[in-house]
Amino acid sequence: MEATLFGSPRDSETNRILQILEDAGVVVFFQEIKHIDSPLTEAVEVLANTNKLPVMFHKGVPIVGSKAIREHIAERF
């Protein structure tokens, strides 16, 4: 498993990225962000240096936001 996506399933951008990843045949671990005040949310914010979702980590590199994730998928997968 090379990629981990953090986001909310209630967010249309997260759902769009999940669908793009599935269509591209990319295996991704999806971690739901349930609460904005959770320790997981805080950890993602520190690692990605942002509070914007969705965030995908691929080979240790954070990719922030739908546009950047779509571009990364097109280039790498």
C-alpha atoms as a PDB file:
ATOM      1  CA  MET A   1       0.000   0.000   0.000  1.00  0.00           C
ATOM      2  CA  GLU A   2       1.717   3.119  -1.191  1.00  0.00           C
ATOM      3  CA  ALA A   3      -0.862   5.827  -0.591  1.00  0.00           C
ATOM      4  CA  THR A   4      -2.988   6.937   2.340  1.00  0.00           C
ATOM      5  CA  LEU A   5      -5.833   9.386   1.902  1.00  0.00           C
ATOM      6  CA  PHE A   6      -7.187  11.411   4.802  1.00  0.00           C
ATOM      7  CA  GLY A   7     -10.556  13.066   4.421  1.00  0.00           C
ATOM      8  CA  SER A   8     -14.228  13.046   5.241  1.00  0.00           C
ATOM      9  CA  PRO A   9     -16.673  10.805   3.372  1.00  0.00           C
ATOM     10  CA  ARG A  10     -19.212  13.635   3.742  1.00  0.00           C
ATOM     11  CA  ASP A  11     -16.947  15.877   1.653  1.00  0.00           C
ATOM     12  CA  SER A  12     -17.579  15.886  -2.109  1.00  0.00           C
ATOM     13  CA  GLU A  13     -13.893  16.524  -2.894  1.00  0.00           C
ATOM     14  CA  THR A  14     -12.805  13.501  -0.854  1.00  0.00           C
ATOM     15  CA  ASN A  15     -15.408  11.333  -2.583  1.00  0.00           C
ATOM     16  CA  ARG A  16     -14.284  12.569  -5.994  1.00  0.00           C
ATOM     17  CA  ILE A  17     -10.640  11.693  -5.203  1.00  0.00           C
ATOM     18  CA  LEU A  18     -11.648   8.243  -3.922  1.00  0.00           C
ATOM     19  CA  GLN A  19     -13.494   7.614  -7.197  1.00  0.00           C
ATOM     20  CA  ILE A  20     -10.544   8.816  -9.308  1.00  0.00           C
ATOM     21  CA  LEU A  21      -8.186   6.539  -7.366  1.00  0.00           C
ATOM     22  CA  GLU A  22     -10.531   3.584  -7.803  1.00  0.00           C
ATOM     23  CA  ASP A  23     -10.925   4.260 -11.534  1.00  0.00           C
ATOM     24  CA  ALA A  24      -7.124   4.434 -11.883  1.00  0.00           C
ATOM     25  CA  GLY A  25      -6.764   1.118 -10.068  1.00  0.00           C
ATOM     26  CA  VAL A  26      -4.746   2.697  -7.280  1.00  0.00           C
ATOM     27  CA  VAL A  27      -4.850   0.853  -3.974  1.00  0.00           C
ATOM     28  CA  VAL A  28      -5.209   3.426  -1.249  1.00  0.00           C
ATOM     29  CA  PHE A  29      -5.817   3.244   2.468  1.00  0.00           C
ATOM     30  CA  PHE A  30      -8.600   5.683   3.350  1.00  0.00           C
ATOM     31  CA  GLN A  31      -8.567   7.122   6.849  1.00  0.00           C
ATOM     32  CA  GLU A  32     -11.716   8.973   7.775  1.00  0.00           C
ATOM     33  CA  ILE A  33     -11.326  12.245   9.631  1.00  0.00           C
ATOM     34  CA  LYS A  34     -14.340  12.210  11.929  1.00  0.00           C
ATOM     35  CA  HIS A  35     -13.773  15.278  14.101  1.00  0.00           C
ATOM     36  CA  ILE A  36     -11.817  18.443  13.438  1.00  0.00           C
ATOM     37  CA  ASP A  37     -10.512  18.388  17.006  1.00  0.00           C
ATOM     38  CA  SER A  38      -9.281  14.792  17.025  1.00  0.00           C
ATOM     39  CA  PRO A  39      -5.643  13.796  17.605  1.00  0.00           C
ATOM     40  CA  LEU A  40      -5.605  12.262  14.103  1.00  0.00           C
ATOM     41  CA  THR A  41      -6.648  15.573  12.564  1.00  0.00           C
ATOM     42  CA  GLU A  42      -3.942  17.350  14.522  1.00  0.00           C
ATOM     43  CA  ALA A  43      -1.310  14.850  13.379  1.00  0.00           C
ATOM     44  CA  VAL A  44      -2.301  15.240   9.709  1.00  0.00           C
ATOM     45  CA  GLU A  45      -2.203  19.030  10.069  1.00  0.00           C
ATOM     46  CA  VAL A  46       1.304  18.910  11.525  1.00  0.00           C
ATOM     47  CA  LEU A  47       2.641  16.456   8.932  1.00  0.00           C
ATOM     48  CA  ALA A  48       1.044  18.198   5.945  1.00  0.00           C
ATOM     49  CA  ASN A  49       1.449  21.726   7.330  1.00  0.00           C
ATOM     50  CA  THR A  50      -2.187  22.529   6.520  1.00  0.00           C
ATOM     51  CA  ASN A  51      -5.695  21.992   7.786  1.00  0.00           C
ATOM     52  CA  LYS A  52      -7.120  21.541   4.290  1.00  0.00           C
ATOM     53  CA  LEU A  53      -8.642  18.192   3.296  1.00  0.00           C
ATOM     54  CA  PRO A  54      -8.304  15.893   1.493  1.00  0.00           C
ATOM     55  CA  VAL A  55      -4.642  15.069   2.077  1.00  0.00           C
ATOM     56  CA  MET A  56      -2.908  12.114   0.479  1.00  0.00           C
ATOM     57  CA  PHE A  57       0.457  10.821   1.602  1.00  0.00           C
ATOM     58  CA  HIS A  58       2.345   8.934  -1.096  1.00  0.00           C
ATOM     59  CA  LYS A  59       5.765   7.548  -0.235  1.00  0.00           C
ATOM     60  CA  GLY A  60       5.931   9.904   2.736  1.00  0.00           C
ATOM     61  CA  VAL A  61       5.136  13.040   0.744  1.00  0.00           C
ATOM     62  CA  PRO A  62       1.947  14.980   1.561  1.00  0.00           C
ATOM     63  CA  ILE A  63      -0.202  16.038  -1.367  1.00  0.00           C
ATOM     64  CA  VAL A  64      -2.785  18.602  -0.294  1.00  0.00           C
ATOM     65  CA  GLY A  65      -6.116  19.344  -1.947  1.00  0.00           C
ATOM     66  CA  SER A  66      -8.079  17.798  -4.771  1.00  0.00           C
ATOM     67  CA  LYS A  67      -6.286  19.537  -7.622  1.00  0.00           C
ATOM     68  CA  ALA A  68      -2.806  18.551  -6.419  1.00  0.00           C
ATOM     69  CA  ILE A  69      -3.945  14.980  -5.741  1.00  0.00           C
ATOM     70  CA  ARG A  70      -5.500  14.667  -9.217  1.00  0.00           C
ATOM     71  CA  GLU A  71      -2.284  15.956 -10.810  1.00  0.00           C
ATOM     72  CA  HIS A  72      -0.197  13.556  -8.728  1.00  0.00           C
ATOM     73  CA  ILE A  73      -2.391  10.606  -9.732  1.00  0.00           C
ATOM     74  CA  ALA A  74      -2.086  11.537 -13.409  1.00  0.00           C
ATOM     75  CA  GLU A  75       1.710  11.771 -13.175  1.00  0.00           C
ATOM     76  CA  ARG A  76       2.504   8.805 -10.934  1.00  0.00           C
ATOM     77  CA  PHE A  77      -0.103   6.096 -11.440  1.00  0.00           C
END
